[in-house]
Each structure stands twice: as structure tokens, then as C-alpha cells.
């Protein structure tokens, strides 16, 4: 079994923007995926240090130094399942964003994406879309993350909330 913790939209200068319980999840994951909008390069560098394996893309607000470090989209495979990762760097409204994102990938089973700050997991045209939401607390809103457990036979998706 491979445990993937998916985060996005941290919008912070370092990992202290994340609740401690979420940081614990990140540190214990087999793979950490960040779906863009880090805000600051130190946060990206800290994630790379604490993650056993790190996969990331840049987001629409990320600076040139982050864009120089990361691709706009990436694919990877776990237990025979193909994952696509993207943060719509073109920005724009969230309406029907999944349809636009779907055009960016071929042959994937799962698409992990950021941008809208709304945690959601749903299937469209046979592809599971997971947006982990935002990895920081904002006013009364909890931080959220996607937890994906991939086994040889099945895959499980969960949205977790952290205060």
C-alpha cells in the first residue's frame, strides 16, 4: 500500500502555515503531492526536505523562482495507476475547471489539482478528480488535504480536515 498526501494552495512563507496535524501527515506519507500556489520558495524547499518522495507543480500565483524549479504539470505512476498533477496556471474562474484540466492529460486514472481552494473528489468521464483544497486555516475554515491510499487491487480517496 502506498499512502499519498495531497496538498495545495499553501500561500505561505514556510511550513508553519500548515496545522501541526497536517504537517505530521505530510512527514509520514510515502508520497507528498503539492498542486501549486506555494507562495514562497522556502516553503517548497522545506516540503522537499520533509517528504520521503515529493511531486509538485507550480500554480498561477507562484513566482519565477518557483516556476524555474517545477513543471506546469506532471504525471507519475503508483501500483499501475497513472496520476496527473496540475494547478491551472492560466488562473480564471473555477466553473467547469475539471473539463479544461481533463484536456491537459491523456491516459490518466486520477487528476490531482489545485486553484479553487474547494476540497472535492469526484469522477468525470472515468477519471477521478481530487482537489485537496487549501492547506492552511482561514478564519473559520479548516485546512484540508487529500489522502489517497493505493493498493494492488483498489484505490481509496478521502478529504481530511485540520484545525
C-alpha atoms as a PDB file:
ATOM      1  CA  UNK A   1       0.000   0.000   0.000  1.00  0.00           C
ATOM      2  CA  UNK A   2       1.204   3.492  -0.883  1.00  0.00           C
ATOM      3  CA  UNK A   3      -0.116   6.463   1.082  1.00  0.00           C
ATOM      4  CA  UNK A   4      -0.183   9.778  -0.769  1.00  0.00           C
ATOM      5  CA  UNK A   5      -0.898  13.084   0.979  1.00  0.00           C
ATOM      6  CA  UNK A   6      -2.111  15.715  -1.469  1.00  0.00           C
ATOM      7  CA  UNK A   7      -1.987  19.407  -0.581  1.00  0.00           C
ATOM      8  CA  UNK A   8      -2.370  22.648  -2.486  1.00  0.00           C
ATOM      9  CA  UNK A   9      -2.672  26.387  -2.131  1.00  0.00           C
ATOM     10  CA  UNK A  10      -0.464  26.825   0.925  1.00  0.00           C
ATOM     11  CA  UNK A  11       0.043  30.533   0.184  1.00  0.00           C
ATOM     12  CA  UNK A  12       2.717  30.908   2.829  1.00  0.00           C
ATOM     13  CA  UNK A  13       6.307  31.711   3.519  1.00  0.00           C
ATOM     14  CA  UNK A  14       7.083  28.363   5.187  1.00  0.00           C
ATOM     15  CA  UNK A  15       5.515  25.170   6.543  1.00  0.00           C
ATOM     16  CA  UNK A  16       4.348  26.936   9.705  1.00  0.00           C
ATOM     17  CA  UNK A  17       1.210  27.962   7.744  1.00  0.00           C
ATOM     18  CA  UNK A  18       0.015  24.360   7.988  1.00  0.00           C
ATOM     19  CA  UNK A  19      -1.643  22.960  11.133  1.00  0.00           C
ATOM     20  CA  UNK A  20       0.728  20.634  13.066  1.00  0.00           C
ATOM     21  CA  UNK A  21      -1.504  17.591  12.480  1.00  0.00           C
ATOM     22  CA  UNK A  22      -1.365  18.156   8.726  1.00  0.00           C
ATOM     23  CA  UNK A  23       2.393  18.548   8.862  1.00  0.00           C
ATOM     24  CA  UNK A  24       2.540  15.189  10.690  1.00  0.00           C
ATOM     25  CA  UNK A  25       0.570  13.634   7.801  1.00  0.00           C
ATOM     26  CA  UNK A  26       2.994  15.138   5.288  1.00  0.00           C
ATOM     27  CA  UNK A  27       6.028  13.837   7.162  1.00  0.00           C
ATOM     28  CA  UNK A  28       4.642  10.284   7.413  1.00  0.00           C
ATOM     29  CA  UNK A  29       3.378   9.962   3.806  1.00  0.00           C
ATOM     30  CA  UNK A  30       5.035   7.742   1.238  1.00  0.00           C
ATOM     31  CA  UNK A  31       4.482  10.466  -1.357  1.00  0.00           C
ATOM     32  CA  UNK A  32       3.618  14.141  -0.894  1.00  0.00           C
ATOM     33  CA  UNK A  33       1.973  15.919  -3.815  1.00  0.00           C
ATOM     34  CA  UNK A  34       1.629  19.711  -3.863  1.00  0.00           C
ATOM     35  CA  UNK A  35      -0.748  21.020  -6.530  1.00  0.00           C
ATOM     36  CA  UNK A  36       0.659  24.563  -6.745  1.00  0.00           C
ATOM     37  CA  UNK A  37       0.420  28.042  -5.215  1.00  0.00           C
ATOM     38  CA  UNK A  38       3.176  27.684  -2.627  1.00  0.00           C
ATOM     39  CA  UNK A  39       3.759  31.430  -2.483  1.00  0.00           C
ATOM     40  CA  UNK A  40       7.378  31.308  -1.257  1.00  0.00           C
ATOM     41  CA  UNK A  41      10.404  29.256  -2.271  1.00  0.00           C
ATOM     42  CA  UNK A  42      11.376  28.377   1.345  1.00  0.00           C
ATOM     43  CA  UNK A  43       8.064  26.519   1.716  1.00  0.00           C
ATOM     44  CA  UNK A  44       8.815  24.437  -1.401  1.00  0.00           C
ATOM     45  CA  UNK A  45      12.337  23.681  -0.161  1.00  0.00           C
ATOM     46  CA  UNK A  46      11.059  22.642   3.276  1.00  0.00           C
ATOM     47  CA  UNK A  47       8.500  20.295   1.681  1.00  0.00           C
ATOM     48  CA  UNK A  48      11.224  18.698  -0.392  1.00  0.00           C
ATOM     49  CA  UNK A  49      13.268  18.090   2.766  1.00  0.00           C
ATOM     50  CA  UNK A  50      10.486  16.550   4.897  1.00  0.00           C
ATOM     51  CA  UNK A  51       8.805  14.433   2.196  1.00  0.00           C
ATOM     52  CA  UNK A  52      10.022  10.897   1.535  1.00  0.00           C
ATOM     53  CA  UNK A  53       9.087  11.456  -2.105  1.00  0.00           C
ATOM     54  CA  UNK A  54       7.871  14.813  -3.408  1.00  0.00           C
ATOM     55  CA  UNK A  55       5.857  15.586  -6.559  1.00  0.00           C
ATOM     56  CA  UNK A  56       4.872  19.171  -7.321  1.00  0.00           C
ATOM     57  CA  UNK A  57       3.786  21.681  -9.937  1.00  0.00           C
ATOM     58  CA  UNK A  58       3.701  25.467  -9.932  1.00  0.00           C
ATOM     59  CA  UNK A  59       0.492  27.458  -9.599  1.00  0.00           C
ATOM     60  CA  UNK A  60      -0.880  30.621 -11.126  1.00  0.00           C
ATOM     61  CA  UNK A  61       0.419  32.892  -8.334  1.00  0.00           C
ATOM     62  CA  UNK A  62       3.841  31.299  -7.958  1.00  0.00           C
ATOM     63  CA  UNK A  63       6.896  33.425  -8.602  1.00  0.00           C
ATOM     64  CA  UNK A  64       9.502  32.970 -11.279  1.00  0.00           C
ATOM     65  CA  UNK A  65      11.873  31.224  -8.844  1.00  0.00           C
ATOM     66  CA  UNK A  66       9.263  28.547  -8.072  1.00  0.00           C
ATOM     67  CA  UNK A  67       8.356  28.221 -11.767  1.00  0.00           C
ATOM     68  CA  UNK A  68      12.039  27.635 -12.517  1.00  0.00           C
ATOM     69  CA  UNK A  69      12.026  24.701 -10.063  1.00  0.00           C
ATOM     70  CA  UNK A  70       8.793  22.926 -11.046  1.00  0.00           C
ATOM     71  CA  UNK A  71       6.813  21.929 -14.151  1.00  0.00           C
ATOM     72  CA  UNK A  72       3.331  23.228 -15.018  1.00  0.00           C
ATOM     73  CA  UNK A  73       2.030  19.651 -14.983  1.00  0.00           C
ATOM     74  CA  UNK A  74       3.434  16.212 -14.271  1.00  0.00           C
ATOM     75  CA  UNK A  75       2.398  12.571 -14.348  1.00  0.00           C
ATOM     76  CA  UNK A  76       3.573   9.713 -12.156  1.00  0.00           C
ATOM     77  CA  UNK A  77       2.595   6.096 -11.577  1.00  0.00           C
ATOM     78  CA  UNK A  78       1.833   4.143  -8.408  1.00  0.00           C
ATOM     79  CA  UNK A  79       0.810   0.476  -8.366  1.00  0.00           C
ATOM     80  CA  UNK A  80      -0.059   0.606 -12.088  1.00  0.00           C
ATOM     81  CA  UNK A  81      -2.267   3.706 -11.782  1.00  0.00           C
ATOM     82  CA  UNK A  82      -1.382   6.908 -13.603  1.00  0.00           C
ATOM     83  CA  UNK A  83      -1.744  10.227 -11.808  1.00  0.00           C
ATOM     84  CA  UNK A  84      -1.725  13.678 -13.371  1.00  0.00           C
ATOM     85  CA  UNK A  85      -0.950  16.769 -11.302  1.00  0.00           C
ATOM     86  CA  UNK A  86      -1.742  20.347 -12.308  1.00  0.00           C
ATOM     87  CA  UNK A  87      -2.667  23.766 -10.997  1.00  0.00           C
ATOM     88  CA  UNK A  88      -4.341  25.749 -13.758  1.00  0.00           C
ATOM     89  CA  UNK A  89      -1.551  28.256 -14.262  1.00  0.00           C
ATOM     90  CA  UNK A  90      -3.904  30.132 -16.570  1.00  0.00           C
ATOM     91  CA  UNK A  91      -5.994  31.038 -13.484  1.00  0.00           C
ATOM     92  CA  UNK A  92      -9.558  32.118 -14.115  1.00  0.00           C
ATOM     93  CA  UNK A  93     -12.911  31.157 -12.634  1.00  0.00           C
ATOM     94  CA  UNK A  94     -13.494  27.684 -11.212  1.00  0.00           C
ATOM     95  CA  UNK A  95     -16.624  26.890 -13.278  1.00  0.00           C
ATOM     96  CA  UNK A  96     -16.119  23.670 -15.242  1.00  0.00           C
ATOM     97  CA  UNK A  97     -12.417  23.774 -14.446  1.00  0.00           C
ATOM     98  CA  UNK A  98     -12.229  19.971 -14.460  1.00  0.00           C
ATOM     99  CA  UNK A  99     -13.213  19.861 -18.155  1.00  0.00           C
ATOM    100  CA  UNK A 100     -10.369  22.266 -19.003  1.00  0.00           C
ATOM    101  CA  UNK A 101      -7.937  20.244 -16.896  1.00  0.00           C
ATOM    102  CA  UNK A 102      -9.023  16.943 -18.468  1.00  0.00           C
ATOM    103  CA  UNK A 103      -7.801  18.226 -21.847  1.00  0.00           C
ATOM    104  CA  UNK A 104      -4.291  18.537 -20.402  1.00  0.00           C
ATOM    105  CA  UNK A 105      -3.831  14.786 -19.794  1.00  0.00           C
ATOM    106  CA  UNK A 106      -4.215  11.521 -21.695  1.00  0.00           C
ATOM    107  CA  UNK A 107      -4.385   8.051 -20.191  1.00  0.00           C
ATOM    108  CA  UNK A 108      -4.538   9.035 -16.526  1.00  0.00           C
ATOM    109  CA  UNK A 109      -6.691   7.402 -13.876  1.00  0.00           C
ATOM    110  CA  UNK A 110      -6.532  10.265 -11.363  1.00  0.00           C
ATOM    111  CA  UNK A 111      -6.031  14.019 -11.667  1.00  0.00           C
ATOM    112  CA  UNK A 112      -4.840  15.931  -8.612  1.00  0.00           C
ATOM    113  CA  UNK A 113      -5.359  19.683  -8.942  1.00  0.00           C
ATOM    114  CA  UNK A 114      -5.483  22.941  -7.025  1.00  0.00           C
ATOM    115  CA  UNK A 115      -6.623  26.538  -7.564  1.00  0.00           C
ATOM    116  CA  UNK A 116     -10.214  26.691  -6.302  1.00  0.00           C
ATOM    117  CA  UNK A 117      -9.463  26.108  -2.581  1.00  0.00           C
ATOM    118  CA  UNK A 118     -12.529  23.827  -2.516  1.00  0.00           C
ATOM    119  CA  UNK A 119     -11.802  20.277  -1.414  1.00  0.00           C
ATOM    120  CA  UNK A 120     -13.595  17.884  -3.732  1.00  0.00           C
ATOM    121  CA  UNK A 121     -13.311  14.335  -5.020  1.00  0.00           C
ATOM    122  CA  UNK A 122     -15.458  13.223  -7.947  1.00  0.00           C
ATOM    123  CA  UNK A 123     -15.340  11.174 -11.112  1.00  0.00           C
ATOM    124  CA  UNK A 124     -15.716  12.702 -14.570  1.00  0.00           C
ATOM    125  CA  UNK A 125     -15.523  10.624 -17.751  1.00  0.00           C
ATOM    126  CA  UNK A 126     -13.914   7.724 -15.873  1.00  0.00           C
ATOM    127  CA  UNK A 127     -11.192   9.879 -14.288  1.00  0.00           C
ATOM    128  CA  UNK A 128     -11.156  10.631 -10.553  1.00  0.00           C
ATOM    129  CA  UNK A 129     -10.530  14.317  -9.825  1.00  0.00           C
ATOM    130  CA  UNK A 130      -9.218  15.261  -6.397  1.00  0.00           C
ATOM    131  CA  UNK A 131      -8.728  18.853  -5.305  1.00  0.00           C
ATOM    132  CA  UNK A 132      -7.298  18.871  -1.761  1.00  0.00           C
ATOM    133  CA  UNK A 133      -8.486  22.427  -1.075  1.00  0.00           C
ATOM    134  CA  UNK A 134      -6.201  24.722   0.909  1.00  0.00           C
ATOM    135  CA  UNK A 135      -3.502  23.554   3.303  1.00  0.00           C
ATOM    136  CA  UNK A 136      -3.914  26.413   5.778  1.00  0.00           C
ATOM    137  CA  UNK A 137      -6.698  27.521   8.110  1.00  0.00           C
ATOM    138  CA  UNK A 138      -8.508  30.706   7.165  1.00  0.00           C
ATOM    139  CA  UNK A 139     -10.835  32.366   9.657  1.00  0.00           C
ATOM    140  CA  UNK A 140     -13.353  29.606  10.463  1.00  0.00           C
ATOM    141  CA  UNK A 141     -12.308  27.359   7.556  1.00  0.00           C
ATOM    142  CA  UNK A 142     -10.228  24.298   8.341  1.00  0.00           C
ATOM    143  CA  UNK A 143      -7.172  23.349   6.337  1.00  0.00           C
ATOM    144  CA  UNK A 144      -7.810  20.369   4.069  1.00  0.00           C
ATOM    145  CA  UNK A 145      -5.767  17.661   2.371  1.00  0.00           C
ATOM    146  CA  UNK A 146      -6.445  14.683   0.174  1.00  0.00           C
ATOM    147  CA  UNK A 147      -5.392  11.263   1.395  1.00  0.00           C
ATOM    148  CA  UNK A 148      -5.021   8.637  -1.317  1.00  0.00           C
ATOM    149  CA  UNK A 149      -4.213   5.032  -0.476  1.00  0.00           C
ATOM    150  CA  UNK A 150      -3.184   2.952  -3.476  1.00  0.00           C
ATOM    151  CA  UNK A 151      -3.107  -0.811  -3.271  1.00  0.00           C
ATOM    152  CA  UNK A 152      -2.596  -3.502  -5.877  1.00  0.00           C
ATOM    153  CA  UNK A 153      -6.346  -4.008  -6.283  1.00  0.00           C
ATOM    154  CA  UNK A 154      -8.081  -0.823  -5.150  1.00  0.00           C
ATOM    155  CA  UNK A 155      -7.589   2.885  -4.511  1.00  0.00           C
ATOM    156  CA  UNK A 156      -9.203   4.897  -1.711  1.00  0.00           C
ATOM    157  CA  UNK A 157      -9.762   8.664  -1.597  1.00  0.00           C
ATOM    158  CA  UNK A 158     -10.504  10.803   1.447  1.00  0.00           C
ATOM    159  CA  UNK A 159     -10.635  14.515   2.217  1.00  0.00           C
ATOM    160  CA  UNK A 160      -9.265  15.252   5.709  1.00  0.00           C
ATOM    161  CA  UNK A 161      -9.864  18.424   7.723  1.00  0.00           C
ATOM    162  CA  UNK A 162      -7.364  20.035  10.119  1.00  0.00           C
ATOM    163  CA  UNK A 163      -7.843  22.944  12.541  1.00  0.00           C
END
